[in-house]
Amino acid sequence: QVQLVESGGGLVQAGGSLRLSCAFSGRTFSNYATGWFRQAPGKERELVAAINWYGHTSTYADSVKGRFTISRDNAENTAYLQMNSLKPEDTAVYYCAATLGSSISSTNIDYWGQGTQVTVSS
């Protein structure tokens, strides 16, 4: 069974940086597209960034373009989300997700991680 375990969340001041990691196990990681979602209190879960199975193509929500970078290391079975220039509105629980196949979207998620809290203070 696939497991996704996030790490790297925490409390950071506005303008700071965090790097989230998502450790994948149970299947062949390179067969899965991955993405990062976030959910703030009272808001719907939103797709923040996605990357295809070989890491050649990535997409971002407009709200994080130029500040966040998604990447993956298929040899290490890990996906990453580098978050720079963090803002208080980035505060949310961040979830890693994976889908069998080349691409991922909000409507085709096979597996979810448990989430990691990111809090940005002003």
PDB file of N, CA and C in Angstrom:
ATOM      1  N   GLN A   1       0.839  -1.184   0.000  1.00  0.00           N
ATOM      2  CA  GLN A   1       0.000   0.000   0.000  1.00  0.00           C
ATOM      3  C   GLN A   1       0.884   1.248   0.000  1.00  0.00           C
ATOM      4  N   VAL A   2       0.477   2.252  -0.774  1.00  0.00           N
ATOM      5  CA  VAL A   2       1.254   3.486  -0.851  1.00  0.00           C
ATOM      6  C   VAL A   2       1.121   4.273   0.439  1.00  0.00           C
ATOM      7  N   GLN A   3       2.232   4.809   0.900  1.00  0.00           N
ATOM      8  CA  GLN A   3       2.240   5.725   2.037  1.00  0.00           C
ATOM      9  C   GLN A   3       2.973   6.987   1.649  1.00  0.00           C
ATOM     10  N   LEU A   4       2.425   8.126   2.068  1.00  0.00           N
ATOM     11  CA  LEU A   4       3.047   9.423   1.873  1.00  0.00           C
ATOM     12  C   LEU A   4       3.233  10.057   3.240  1.00  0.00           C
ATOM     13  N   VAL A   5       4.450  10.459   3.549  1.00  0.00           N
ATOM     14  CA  VAL A   5       4.728  11.052   4.850  1.00  0.00           C
ATOM     15  C   VAL A   5       5.390  12.411   4.642  1.00  0.00           C
ATOM     16  N   GLU A   6       4.684  13.467   5.051  1.00  0.00           N
ATOM     17  CA  GLU A   6       5.218  14.812   4.918  1.00  0.00           C
ATOM     18  C   GLU A   6       6.059  15.197   6.129  1.00  0.00           C
ATOM     19  N   SER A   7       6.987  16.086   5.905  1.00  0.00           N
ATOM     20  CA  SER A   7       7.785  16.656   6.983  1.00  0.00           C
ATOM     21  C   SER A   7       8.260  18.037   6.551  1.00  0.00           C
ATOM     22  N   GLY A   8       8.732  18.814   7.519  1.00  0.00           N
ATOM     23  CA  GLY A   8       9.321  20.107   7.199  1.00  0.00           C
ATOM     24  C   GLY A   8       8.459  21.310   7.523  1.00  0.00           C
ATOM     25  N   GLY A   9       7.237  21.075   7.969  1.00  0.00           N
ATOM     26  CA  GLY A   9       6.393  22.204   8.333  1.00  0.00           C
ATOM     27  C   GLY A   9       6.870  22.861   9.621  1.00  0.00           C
ATOM     28  N   GLY A  10       6.256  23.994   9.952  1.00  0.00           N
ATOM     29  CA  GLY A  10       6.622  24.687  11.179  1.00  0.00           C
ATOM     30  C   GLY A  10       6.169  26.116  11.167  1.00  0.00           C
ATOM     31  N   LEU A  11       6.724  26.874  12.098  1.00  0.00           N
ATOM     32  CA  LEU A  11       6.406  28.292  12.252  1.00  0.00           C
ATOM     33  C   LEU A  11       7.550  29.119  11.689  1.00  0.00           C
ATOM     34  N   VAL A  12       7.205  30.084  10.853  1.00  0.00           N
ATOM     35  CA  VAL A  12       8.226  30.929  10.233  1.00  0.00           C
ATOM     36  C   VAL A  12       7.678  32.345  10.133  1.00  0.00           C
ATOM     37  N   GLN A  13       8.561  33.315  10.172  1.00  0.00           N
ATOM     38  CA  GLN A  13       8.140  34.704  10.008  1.00  0.00           C
ATOM     39  C   GLN A  13       7.897  35.024   8.531  1.00  0.00           C
ATOM     40  N   ALA A  14       7.076  36.000   8.294  1.00  0.00           N
ATOM     41  CA  ALA A  14       6.819  36.439   6.921  1.00  0.00           C
ATOM     42  C   ALA A  14       8.143  36.799   6.241  1.00  0.00           C
ATOM     43  N   GLY A  15       8.265  36.373   4.995  1.00  0.00           N
ATOM     44  CA  GLY A  15       9.493  36.577   4.258  1.00  0.00           C
ATOM     45  C   GLY A  15      10.475  35.430   4.359  1.00  0.00           C
ATOM     46  N   GLY A  16      10.200  34.511   5.272  1.00  0.00           N
ATOM     47  CA  GLY A  16      11.086  33.379   5.463  1.00  0.00           C
ATOM     48  C   GLY A  16      10.825  32.246   4.492  1.00  0.00           C
ATOM     49  N   SER A  17      11.537  31.151   4.717  1.00  0.00           N
ATOM     50  CA  SER A  17      11.460  29.996   3.818  1.00  0.00           C
ATOM     51  C   SER A  17      11.283  28.710   4.605  1.00  0.00           C
ATOM     52  N   LEU A  18      10.646  27.753   3.958  1.00  0.00           N
ATOM     53  CA  LEU A  18      10.540  26.395   4.471  1.00  0.00           C
ATOM     54  C   LEU A  18      10.652  25.432   3.305  1.00  0.00           C
ATOM     55  N   ARG A  19      11.117  24.235   3.589  1.00  0.00           N
ATOM     56  CA  ARG A  19      11.152  23.189   2.574  1.00  0.00           C
ATOM     57  C   ARG A  19      10.394  21.983   3.090  1.00  0.00           C
ATOM     58  N   LEU A  20       9.338  21.640   2.417  1.00  0.00           N
ATOM     59  CA  LEU A  20       8.555  20.463   2.765  1.00  0.00           C
ATOM     60  C   LEU A  20       9.068  19.256   1.996  1.00  0.00           C
ATOM     61  N   SER A  21       9.030  18.107   2.644  1.00  0.00           N
ATOM     62  CA  SER A  21       9.405  16.851   2.001  1.00  0.00           C
ATOM     63  C   SER A  21       8.249  15.877   2.086  1.00  0.00           C
ATOM     64  N   CYS A  22       8.144  15.013   1.096  1.00  0.00           N
ATOM     65  CA  CYS A  22       7.110  13.988   1.050  1.00  0.00           C
ATOM     66  C   CYS A  22       7.781  12.666   0.698  1.00  0.00           C
ATOM     67  N   ALA A  23       7.881  11.797   1.671  1.00  0.00           N
ATOM     68  CA  ALA A  23       8.503  10.486   1.456  1.00  0.00           C
ATOM     69  C   ALA A  23       7.453   9.492   0.986  1.00  0.00           C
ATOM     70  N   PHE A  24       7.704   8.868  -0.136  1.00  0.00           N
ATOM     71  CA  PHE A  24       6.767   7.937  -0.793  1.00  0.00           C
ATOM     72  C   PHE A  24       7.268   6.512  -0.613  1.00  0.00           C
ATOM     73  N   SER A  25       6.368   5.592  -0.292  1.00  0.00           N
ATOM     74  CA  SER A  25       6.753   4.185  -0.174  1.00  0.00           C
ATOM     75  C   SER A  25       5.595   3.288  -0.583  1.00  0.00           C
ATOM     76  N   GLY A  26       5.918   2.063  -0.922  1.00  0.00           N
ATOM     77  CA  GLY A  26       4.903   1.064  -1.211  1.00  0.00           C
ATOM     78  C   GLY A  26       4.739   0.709  -2.675  1.00  0.00           C
ATOM     79  N   ARG A  27       5.151   1.587  -3.560  1.00  0.00           N
ATOM     80  CA  ARG A  27       5.066   1.338  -5.002  1.00  0.00           C
ATOM     81  C   ARG A  27       6.256   2.022  -5.668  1.00  0.00           C
ATOM     82  N   THR A  28       6.317   1.941  -6.997  1.00  0.00           N
ATOM     83  CA  THR A  28       7.391   2.598  -7.740  1.00  0.00           C
ATOM     84  C   THR A  28       7.063   4.071  -7.900  1.00  0.00           C
ATOM     85  N   PHE A  29       7.833   4.906  -7.234  1.00  0.00           N
ATOM     86  CA  PHE A  29       7.553   6.339  -7.163  1.00  0.00           C
ATOM     87  C   PHE A  29       7.473   6.978  -8.548  1.00  0.00           C
ATOM     88  N   SER A  30       8.330   6.573  -9.463  1.00  0.00           N
ATOM     89  CA  SER A  30       8.376   7.205 -10.781  1.00  0.00           C
ATOM     90  C   SER A  30       7.140   6.894 -11.632  1.00  0.00           C
ATOM     91  N   ASN A  31       6.263   6.038 -11.159  1.00  0.00           N
ATOM     92  CA  ASN A  31       5.002   5.771 -11.854  1.00  0.00           C
ATOM     93  C   ASN A  31       3.879   6.710 -11.419  1.00  0.00           C
ATOM     94  N   TYR A  32       4.195   7.623 -10.493  1.00  0.00           N
ATOM     95  CA  TYR A  32       3.176   8.475  -9.898  1.00  0.00           C
ATOM     96  C   TYR A  32       3.508   9.949 -10.084  1.00  0.00           C
ATOM     97  N   ALA A  33       2.522  10.700 -10.541  1.00  0.00           N
ATOM     98  CA  ALA A  33       2.623  12.154 -10.481  1.00  0.00           C
ATOM     99  C   ALA A  33       2.348  12.580  -9.039  1.00  0.00           C
ATOM    100  N   THR A  34       2.927  13.684  -8.621  1.00  0.00           N
ATOM    101  CA  THR A  34       2.714  14.134  -7.250  1.00  0.00           C
ATOM    102  C   THR A  34       2.340  15.609  -7.216  1.00  0.00           C
ATOM    103  N   GLY A  35       1.725  15.985  -6.114  1.00  0.00           N
ATOM    104  CA  GLY A  35       1.329  17.378  -5.959  1.00  0.00           C
ATOM    105  C   GLY A  35       1.286  17.760  -4.498  1.00  0.00           C
ATOM    106  N   TRP A  36       1.273  19.058  -4.285  1.00  0.00           N
ATOM    107  CA  TRP A  36       1.101  19.614  -2.946  1.00  0.00           C
ATOM    108  C   TRP A  36      -0.188  20.417  -2.919  1.00  0.00           C
ATOM    109  N   PHE A  37      -1.001  20.144  -1.915  1.00  0.00           N
ATOM    110  CA  PHE A  37      -2.240  20.865  -1.680  1.00  0.00           C
ATOM    111  C   PHE A  37      -2.130  21.556  -0.330  1.00  0.00           C
ATOM    112  N   ARG A  38      -3.003  22.522  -0.116  1.00  0.00           N
ATOM    113  CA  ARG A  38      -3.070  23.137   1.206  1.00  0.00           C
ATOM    114  C   ARG A  38      -4.521  23.458   1.541  1.00  0.00           C
ATOM    115  N   GLN A  39      -4.773  23.486   2.849  1.00  0.00           N
ATOM    116  CA  GLN A  39      -6.109  23.821   3.316  1.00  0.00           C
ATOM    117  C   GLN A  39      -5.981  24.712   4.542  1.00  0.00           C
ATOM    118  N   ALA A  40      -6.486  25.916   4.406  1.00  0.00           N
ATOM    119  CA  ALA A  40      -6.518  26.868   5.516  1.00  0.00           C
ATOM    120  C   ALA A  40      -7.853  26.731   6.242  1.00  0.00           C
ATOM    121  N   PRO A  41      -7.923  27.144   7.499  1.00  0.00           N
ATOM    122  CA  PRO A  41      -9.179  27.034   8.255  1.00  0.00           C
ATOM    123  C   PRO A  41     -10.318  27.746   7.543  1.00  0.00           C
ATOM    124  N   GLY A  42     -11.419  27.033   7.390  1.00  0.00           N
ATOM    125  CA  GLY A  42     -12.593  27.612   6.754  1.00  0.00           C
ATOM    126  C   GLY A  42     -12.539  27.698   5.248  1.00  0.00           C
ATOM    127  N   LYS A  43     -11.488  27.159   4.662  1.00  0.00           N
ATOM    128  CA  LYS A  43     -11.342  27.232   3.202  1.00  0.00           C
ATOM    129  C   LYS A  43     -11.254  25.836   2.608  1.00  0.00           C
ATOM    130  N   GLU A  44     -11.510  25.754   1.311  1.00  0.00           N
ATOM    131  CA  GLU A  44     -11.403  24.477   0.620  1.00  0.00           C
ATOM    132  C   GLU A  44      -9.932  24.138   0.365  1.00  0.00           C
ATOM    133  N   ARG A  45      -9.689  22.851   0.234  1.00  0.00           N
ATOM    134  CA  ARG A  45      -8.346  22.410  -0.103  1.00  0.00           C
ATOM    135  C   ARG A  45      -8.038  22.840  -1.533  1.00  0.00           C
ATOM    136  N   GLU A  46      -6.842  23.378  -1.759  1.00  0.00           N
ATOM    137  CA  GLU A  46      -6.464  23.852  -3.080  1.00  0.00           C
ATOM    138  C   GLU A  46      -5.136  23.249  -3.515  1.00  0.00           C
ATOM    139  N   LEU A  47      -5.027  23.061  -4.821  1.00  0.00           N
ATOM    140  CA  LEU A  47      -3.784  22.559  -5.392  1.00  0.00           C
ATOM    141  C   LEU A  47      -2.786  23.703  -5.480  1.00  0.00           C
ATOM    142  N   VAL A  48      -1.647  23.519  -4.858  1.00  0.00           N
ATOM    143  CA  VAL A  48      -0.607  24.543  -4.831  1.00  0.00           C
ATOM    144  C   VAL A  48       0.402  24.330  -5.956  1.00  0.00           C
ATOM    145  N   ALA A  49       0.849  23.093  -6.121  1.00  0.00           N
ATOM    146  CA  ALA A  49       1.858  22.795  -7.136  1.00  0.00           C
ATOM    147  C   ALA A  49       1.768  21.321  -7.502  1.00  0.00           C
ATOM    148  N   ALA A  50       2.103  21.023  -8.732  1.00  0.00           N
ATOM    149  CA  ALA A  50       2.065  19.638  -9.206  1.00  0.00           C
ATOM    150  C   ALA A  50       3.261  19.385 -10.104  1.00  0.00           C
ATOM    151  N   ILE A  51       3.696  18.133 -10.128  1.00  0.00           N
ATOM    152  CA  ILE A  51       4.836  17.764 -10.966  1.00  0.00           C
ATOM    153  C   ILE A  51       4.577  16.404 -11.585  1.00  0.00           C
ATOM    154  N   ASN A  52       4.952  16.232 -12.825  1.00  0.00           N
ATOM    155  CA  ASN A  52       4.673  14.963 -13.494  1.00  0.00           C
ATOM    156  C   ASN A  52       5.650  13.889 -13.035  1.00  0.00           C
ATOM    157  N   TRP A  53       5.444  12.665 -13.521  1.00  0.00           N
ATOM    158  CA  TRP A  53       6.150  11.532 -12.917  1.00  0.00           C
ATOM    159  C   TRP A  53       7.663  11.566 -13.090  1.00  0.00           C
ATOM    160  N   TYR A  54       8.180  12.198 -14.125  1.00  0.00           N
ATOM    161  CA  TYR A  54       9.631  12.287 -14.286  1.00  0.00           C
ATOM    162  C   TYR A  54      10.190  13.652 -13.906  1.00  0.00           C
ATOM    163  N   GLY A  55       9.306  14.545 -13.467  1.00  0.00           N
ATOM    164  CA  GLY A  55       9.765  15.846 -13.018  1.00  0.00           C
ATOM    165  C   GLY A  55      10.037  16.832 -14.136  1.00  0.00           C
ATOM    166  N   HIS A  56       9.554  16.541 -15.337  1.00  0.00           N
ATOM    167  CA  HIS A  56       9.820  17.434 -16.468  1.00  0.00           C
ATOM    168  C   HIS A  56       8.855  18.601 -16.542  1.00  0.00           C
ATOM    169  N   THR A  57       7.688  18.437 -15.972  1.00  0.00           N
ATOM    170  CA  THR A  57       6.652  19.458 -16.084  1.00  0.00           C
ATOM    171  C   THR A  57       6.077  19.760 -14.708  1.00  0.00           C
ATOM    172  N   SER A  58       5.959  21.019 -14.394  1.00  0.00           N
ATOM    173  CA  SER A  58       5.366  21.427 -13.125  1.00  0.00           C
ATOM    174  C   SER A  58       4.393  22.577 -13.352  1.00  0.00           C
ATOM    175  N   THR A  59       3.410  22.656 -12.497  1.00  0.00           N
ATOM    176  CA  THR A  59       2.422  23.736 -12.562  1.00  0.00           C
ATOM    177  C   THR A  59       2.213  24.290 -11.162  1.00  0.00           C
ATOM    178  N   TYR A  60       1.757  25.540 -11.106  1.00  0.00           N
ATOM    179  CA  TYR A  60       1.603  26.230  -9.835  1.00  0.00           C
ATOM    180  C   TYR A  60       0.317  27.035  -9.795  1.00  0.00           C
ATOM    181  N   ALA A  61      -0.219  27.168  -8.595  1.00  0.00           N
ATOM    182  CA  ALA A  61      -1.309  28.112  -8.393  1.00  0.00           C
ATOM    183  C   ALA A  61      -0.766  29.521  -8.575  1.00  0.00           C
ATOM    184  N   ASP A  62      -1.594  30.416  -9.073  1.00  0.00           N
ATOM    185  CA  ASP A  62      -1.149  31.791  -9.307  1.00  0.00           C
ATOM    186  C   ASP A  62      -0.624  32.429  -8.022  1.00  0.00           C
ATOM    187  N   SER A  63      -1.201  32.068  -6.904  1.00  0.00           N
ATOM    188  CA  SER A  63      -0.848  32.690  -5.638  1.00  0.00           C
ATOM    189  C   SER A  63       0.565  32.360  -5.165  1.00  0.00           C
ATOM    190  N   VAL A  64       1.169  31.320  -5.734  1.00  0.00           N
ATOM    191  CA  VAL A  64       2.510  30.923  -5.277  1.00  0.00           C
ATOM    192  C   VAL A  64       3.555  30.986  -6.381  1.00  0.00           C
ATOM    193  N   LYS A  65       3.165  31.322  -7.581  1.00  0.00           N
ATOM    194  CA  LYS A  65       4.128  31.374  -8.694  1.00  0.00           C
ATOM    195  C   LYS A  65       5.248  32.345  -8.377  1.00  0.00           C
ATOM    196  N   GLY A  66       6.471  31.908  -8.651  1.00  0.00           N
ATOM    197  CA  GLY A  66       7.631  32.746  -8.393  1.00  0.00           C
ATOM    198  C   GLY A  66       8.152  32.658  -6.972  1.00  0.00           C
ATOM    199  N   ARG A  67       7.371  32.017  -6.076  1.00  0.00           N
ATOM    200  CA  ARG A  67       7.809  31.886  -4.680  1.00  0.00           C
ATOM    201  C   ARG A  67       8.023  30.429  -4.281  1.00  0.00           C
ATOM    202  N   PHE A  68       7.221  29.532  -4.821  1.00  0.00           N
ATOM    203  CA  PHE A  68       7.300  28.108  -4.484  1.00  0.00           C
ATOM    204  C   PHE A  68       7.892  27.331  -5.649  1.00  0.00           C
ATOM    205  N   THR A  69       8.629  26.269  -5.326  1.00  0.00           N
ATOM    206  CA  THR A  69       9.182  25.388  -6.347  1.00  0.00           C
ATOM    207  C   THR A  69       8.951  23.939  -5.941  1.00  0.00           C
ATOM    208  N   ILE A  70       8.299  23.190  -6.812  1.00  0.00           N
ATOM    209  CA  ILE A  70       8.103  21.773  -6.569  1.00  0.00           C
ATOM    210  C   ILE A  70       9.181  20.988  -7.303  1.00  0.00           C
ATOM    211  N   SER A  71       9.642  19.926  -6.690  1.00  0.00           N
ATOM    212  CA  SER A  71      10.655  19.084  -7.327  1.00  0.00           C
ATOM    213  C   SER A  71      10.491  17.655  -6.799  1.00  0.00           C
ATOM    214  N   ARG A  72      11.220  16.746  -7.400  1.00  0.00           N
ATOM    215  CA  ARG A  72      11.176  15.358  -6.957  1.00  0.00           C
ATOM    216  C   ARG A  72      12.504  14.682  -7.253  1.00  0.00           C
ATOM    217  N   ASP A  73      12.814  13.698  -6.432  1.00  0.00           N
ATOM    218  CA  ASP A  73      13.998  12.877  -6.625  1.00  0.00           C
ATOM    219  C   ASP A  73      13.511  11.426  -6.681  1.00  0.00           C
ATOM    220  N   ASN A  74      13.393  10.886  -7.871  1.00  0.00           N
ATOM    221  CA  ASN A  74      12.849   9.532  -8.015  1.00  0.00           C
ATOM    222  C   ASN A  74      13.777   8.471  -7.424  1.00  0.00           C
ATOM    223  N   ALA A  75      15.065   8.755  -7.370  1.00  0.00           N
ATOM    224  CA  ALA A  75      15.993   7.811  -6.756  1.00  0.00           C
ATOM    225  C   ALA A  75      15.804   7.746  -5.239  1.00  0.00           C
ATOM    226  N   GLU A  76      15.343   8.851  -4.655  1.00  0.00           N
ATOM    227  CA  GLU A  76      15.130   8.924  -3.207  1.00  0.00           C
ATOM    228  C   GLU A  76      13.664   8.758  -2.831  1.00  0.00           C
ATOM    229  N   ASN A  77      12.796   8.577  -3.840  1.00  0.00           N
ATOM    230  CA  ASN A  77      11.353   8.407  -3.582  1.00  0.00           C
ATOM    231  C   ASN A  77      10.779   9.561  -2.761  1.00  0.00           C
ATOM    232  N   THR A  78      11.184  10.758  -3.110  1.00  0.00           N
ATOM    233  CA  THR A  78      10.784  11.923  -2.326  1.00  0.00           C
ATOM    234  C   THR A  78      10.406  13.087  -3.234  1.00  0.00           C
ATOM    235  N   ALA A  79       9.351  13.780  -2.840  1.00  0.00           N
ATOM    236  CA  ALA A  79       8.965  15.023  -3.493  1.00  0.00           C
ATOM    237  C   ALA A  79       9.198  16.176  -2.518  1.00  0.00           C
ATOM    238  N   TYR A  80       9.418  17.353  -3.070  1.00  0.00           N
ATOM    239  CA  TYR A  80       9.734  18.506  -2.243  1.00  0.00           C
ATOM    240  C   TYR A  80       8.892  19.705  -2.659  1.00  0.00           C
ATOM    241  N   LEU A  81       8.722  20.609  -1.695  1.00  0.00           N
ATOM    242  CA  LEU A  81       8.128  21.902  -1.992  1.00  0.00           C
ATOM    243  C   LEU A  81       8.973  22.953  -1.283  1.00  0.00           C
ATOM    244  N   GLN A  82       9.742  23.700  -2.062  1.00  0.00           N
ATOM    245  CA  GLN A  82      10.533  24.800  -1.515  1.00  0.00           C
ATOM    246  C   GLN A  82       9.659  26.044  -1.514  1.00  0.00           C
ATOM    247  N   MET A  83       9.483  26.631  -0.348  1.00  0.00           N
ATOM    248  CA  MET A  83       8.607  27.789  -0.199  1.00  0.00           C
ATOM    249  C   MET A  83       9.435  28.979   0.269  1.00  0.00           C
ATOM    250  N   ASN A  84       9.520  29.987  -0.566  1.00  0.00           N
ATOM    251  CA  ASN A  84      10.267  31.202  -0.253  1.00  0.00           C
ATOM    252  C   ASN A  84       9.322  32.396  -0.158  1.00  0.00           C
ATOM    253  N   SER A  85       9.811  33.462   0.431  1.00  0.00           N
ATOM    254  CA  SER A  85       9.018  34.694   0.563  1.00  0.00           C
ATOM    255  C   SER A  85       7.633  34.400   1.111  1.00  0.00           C
ATOM    256  N   LEU A  86       7.601  33.651   2.181  1.00  0.00           N
ATOM    257  CA  LEU A  86       6.318  33.223   2.731  1.00  0.00           C
ATOM    258  C   LEU A  86       5.520  34.397   3.276  1.00  0.00           C
ATOM    259  N   LYS A  87       4.197  34.268   3.131  1.00  0.00           N
ATOM    260  CA  LYS A  87       3.265  35.302   3.569  1.00  0.00           C
ATOM    261  C   LYS A  87       2.302  34.707   4.600  1.00  0.00           C
ATOM    262  N   PRO A  88       1.725  35.529   5.442  1.00  0.00           N
ATOM    263  CA  PRO A  88       0.742  35.004   6.405  1.00  0.00           C
ATOM    264  C   PRO A  88      -0.386  34.233   5.741  1.00  0.00           C
ATOM    265  N   GLU A  89      -0.758  34.627   4.537  1.00  0.00           N
ATOM    266  CA  GLU A  89      -1.839  33.915   3.842  1.00  0.00           C
ATOM    267  C   GLU A  89      -1.426  32.543   3.327  1.00  0.00           C
ATOM    268  N   ASP A  90      -0.160  32.200   3.457  1.00  0.00           N
ATOM    269  CA  ASP A  90       0.281  30.841   3.124  1.00  0.00           C
ATOM    270  C   ASP A  90       0.041  29.873   4.282  1.00  0.00           C
ATOM    271  N   THR A  91      -0.377  30.392   5.414  1.00  0.00           N
ATOM    272  CA  THR A  91      -0.645  29.545   6.567  1.00  0.00           C
ATOM    273  C   THR A  91      -1.740  28.537   6.250  1.00  0.00           C
ATOM    274  N   ALA A  92      -1.438  27.254   6.449  1.00  0.00           N
ATOM    275  CA  ALA A  92      -2.374  26.186   6.122  1.00  0.00           C
ATOM    276  C   ALA A  92      -1.753  24.849   6.513  1.00  0.00           C
ATOM    277  N   VAL A  93      -2.572  23.808   6.442  1.00  0.00           N
ATOM    278  CA  VAL A  93      -2.037  22.450   6.481  1.00  0.00           C
ATOM    279  C   VAL A  93      -1.707  22.067   5.043  1.00  0.00           C
ATOM    280  N   TYR A  94      -0.504  21.607   4.836  1.00  0.00           N
ATOM    281  CA  TYR A  94      -0.031  21.240   3.505  1.00  0.00           C
ATOM    282  C   TYR A  94      -0.028  19.710   3.387  1.00  0.00           C
ATOM    283  N   TYR A  95      -0.614  19.242   2.291  1.00  0.00           N
ATOM    284  CA  TYR A  95      -0.755  17.811   2.053  1.00  0.00           C
ATOM    285  C   TYR A  95      -0.021  17.417   0.776  1.00  0.00           C
ATOM    286  N   CYS A  96       0.676  16.316   0.851  1.00  0.00           N
ATOM    287  CA  CYS A  96       1.249  15.697  -0.327  1.00  0.00           C
ATOM    288  C   CYS A  96       0.225  14.724  -0.910  1.00  0.00           C
ATOM    289  N   ALA A  97       0.197  14.619  -2.233  1.00  0.00           N
ATOM    290  CA  ALA A  97      -0.732  13.712  -2.892  1.00  0.00           C
ATOM    291  C   ALA A  97      -0.034  13.037  -4.066  1.00  0.00           C
ATOM    292  N   ALA A  98      -0.523  11.851  -4.410  1.00  0.00           N
ATOM    293  CA  ALA A  98       0.062  11.109  -5.525  1.00  0.00           C
ATOM    294  C   ALA A  98      -1.028  10.427  -6.325  1.00  0.00           C
ATOM    295  N   THR A  99      -0.792  10.342  -7.629  1.00  0.00           N
ATOM    296  CA  THR A  99      -1.729   9.685  -8.545  1.00  0.00           C
ATOM    297  C   THR A  99      -0.956   8.836  -9.529  1.00  0.00           C
ATOM    298  N   LEU A 100      -1.419   7.620  -9.746  1.00  0.00           N
ATOM    299  CA  LEU A 100      -0.788   6.737 -10.722  1.00  0.00           C
ATOM    300  C   LEU A 100      -0.962   7.330 -12.115  1.00  0.00           C
ATOM    301  N   GLY A 101       0.147   7.556 -12.786  1.00  0.00           N
ATOM    302  CA  GLY A 101       0.070   8.152 -14.113  1.00  0.00           C
ATOM    303  C   GLY A 101       0.974   9.359 -14.229  1.00  0.00           C
ATOM    304  N   SER A 102       0.908   9.988 -15.394  1.00  0.00           N
ATOM    305  CA  SER A 102       1.868  11.045 -15.706  1.00  0.00           C
ATOM    306  C   SER A 102       1.525  12.396 -15.100  1.00  0.00           C
ATOM    307  N   SER A 103       0.250  12.637 -14.810  1.00  0.00           N
ATOM    308  CA  SER A 103      -0.131  13.961 -14.331  1.00  0.00           C
ATOM    309  C   SER A 103      -1.128  13.860 -13.180  1.00  0.00           C
ATOM    310  N   ILE A 104      -1.277  14.961 -12.468  1.00  0.00           N
ATOM    311  CA  ILE A 104      -2.145  15.003 -11.293  1.00  0.00           C
ATOM    312  C   ILE A 104      -2.982  16.262 -11.343  1.00  0.00           C
ATOM    313  N   SER A 105      -4.189  16.176 -10.831  1.00  0.00           N
ATOM    314  CA  SER A 105      -5.047  17.353 -10.735  1.00  0.00           C
ATOM    315  C   SER A 105      -5.893  17.233  -9.481  1.00  0.00           C
ATOM    316  N   SER A 106      -6.715  18.229  -9.226  1.00  0.00           N
ATOM    317  CA  SER A 106      -7.534  18.226  -8.018  1.00  0.00           C
ATOM    318  C   SER A 106      -8.563  17.107  -8.015  1.00  0.00           C
ATOM    319  N   THR A 107      -8.882  16.559  -9.163  1.00  0.00           N
ATOM    320  CA  THR A 107      -9.960  15.581  -9.252  1.00  0.00           C
ATOM    321  C   THR A 107      -9.490  14.154  -9.460  1.00  0.00           C
ATOM    322  N   ASN A 108      -8.180  13.920  -9.471  1.00  0.00           N
ATOM    323  CA  ASN A 108      -7.711  12.549  -9.687  1.00  0.00           C
ATOM    324  C   ASN A 108      -6.586  12.199  -8.715  1.00  0.00           C
ATOM    325  N   ILE A 109      -6.889  12.154  -7.449  1.00  0.00           N
ATOM    326  CA  ILE A 109      -5.927  11.827  -6.411  1.00  0.00           C
ATOM    327  C   ILE A 109      -6.135  10.402  -5.938  1.00  0.00           C
ATOM    328  N   ASP A 110      -5.067   9.612  -5.963  1.00  0.00           N
ATOM    329  CA  ASP A 110      -5.136   8.245  -5.468  1.00  0.00           C
ATOM    330  C   ASP A 110      -4.752   8.141  -3.995  1.00  0.00           C
ATOM    331  N   TYR A 111      -3.766   8.923  -3.571  1.00  0.00           N
ATOM    332  CA  TYR A 111      -3.260   8.808  -2.203  1.00  0.00           C
ATOM    333  C   TYR A 111      -2.959  10.190  -1.622  1.00  0.00           C
ATOM    334  N   TRP A 112      -3.183  10.297  -0.311  1.00  0.00           N
ATOM    335  CA  TRP A 112      -2.907  11.521   0.436  1.00  0.00           C
ATOM    336  C   TRP A 112      -1.963  11.243   1.589  1.00  0.00           C
ATOM    337  N   GLY A 113      -1.146  12.242   1.904  1.00  0.00           N
ATOM    338  CA  GLY A 113      -0.390  12.198   3.139  1.00  0.00           C
ATOM    339  C   GLY A 113      -1.240  12.712   4.285  1.00  0.00           C
ATOM    340  N   GLN A 114      -0.655  12.721   5.473  1.00  0.00           N
ATOM    341  CA  GLN A 114      -1.416  13.108   6.659  1.00  0.00           C
ATOM    342  C   GLN A 114      -1.430  14.617   6.867  1.00  0.00           C
ATOM    343  N   GLY A 115      -0.554  15.332   6.186  1.00  0.00           N
ATOM    344  CA  GLY A 115      -0.506  16.785   6.282  1.00  0.00           C
ATOM    345  C   GLY A 115       0.535  17.274   7.262  1.00  0.00           C
ATOM    346  N   THR A 116       1.024  18.482   7.003  1.00  0.00           N
ATOM    347  CA  THR A 116       1.976  19.131   7.897  1.00  0.00           C
ATOM    348  C   THR A 116       1.588  20.602   7.993  1.00  0.00           C
ATOM    349  N   GLN A 117       1.608  21.133   9.208  1.00  0.00           N
ATOM    350  CA  GLN A 117       1.176  22.503   9.433  1.00  0.00           C
ATOM    351  C   GLN A 117       2.275  23.490   9.086  1.00  0.00           C
ATOM    352  N   VAL A 118       1.900  24.511   8.335  1.00  0.00           N
ATOM    353  CA  VAL A 118       2.784  25.640   8.047  1.00  0.00           C
ATOM    354  C   VAL A 118       2.100  26.892   8.584  1.00  0.00           C
ATOM    355  N   THR A 119       2.795  27.597   9.447  1.00  0.00           N
ATOM    356  CA  THR A 119       2.259  28.831  10.019  1.00  0.00           C
ATOM    357  C   THR A 119       3.235  29.965   9.762  1.00  0.00           C
ATOM    358  N   VAL A 120       2.740  31.019   9.135  1.00  0.00           N
ATOM    359  CA  VAL A 120       3.572  32.173   8.813  1.00  0.00           C
ATOM    360  C   VAL A 120       3.082  33.350   9.637  1.00  0.00           C
ATOM    361  N   SER A 121       3.944  33.865  10.482  1.00  0.00           N
ATOM    362  CA  SER A 121       3.570  34.988  11.339  1.00  0.00           C
ATOM    363  C   SER A 121       3.934  36.306  10.674  1.00  0.00           C
ATOM    364  N   SER A 122       3.140  37.317  10.972  1.00  0.00           N
ATOM    365  CA  SER A 122       3.378  38.629  10.348  1.00  0.00           C
ATOM    366  C   SER A 122       4.294  39.485  11.204  1.00  0.00           C
TER     367      SER A 122
END
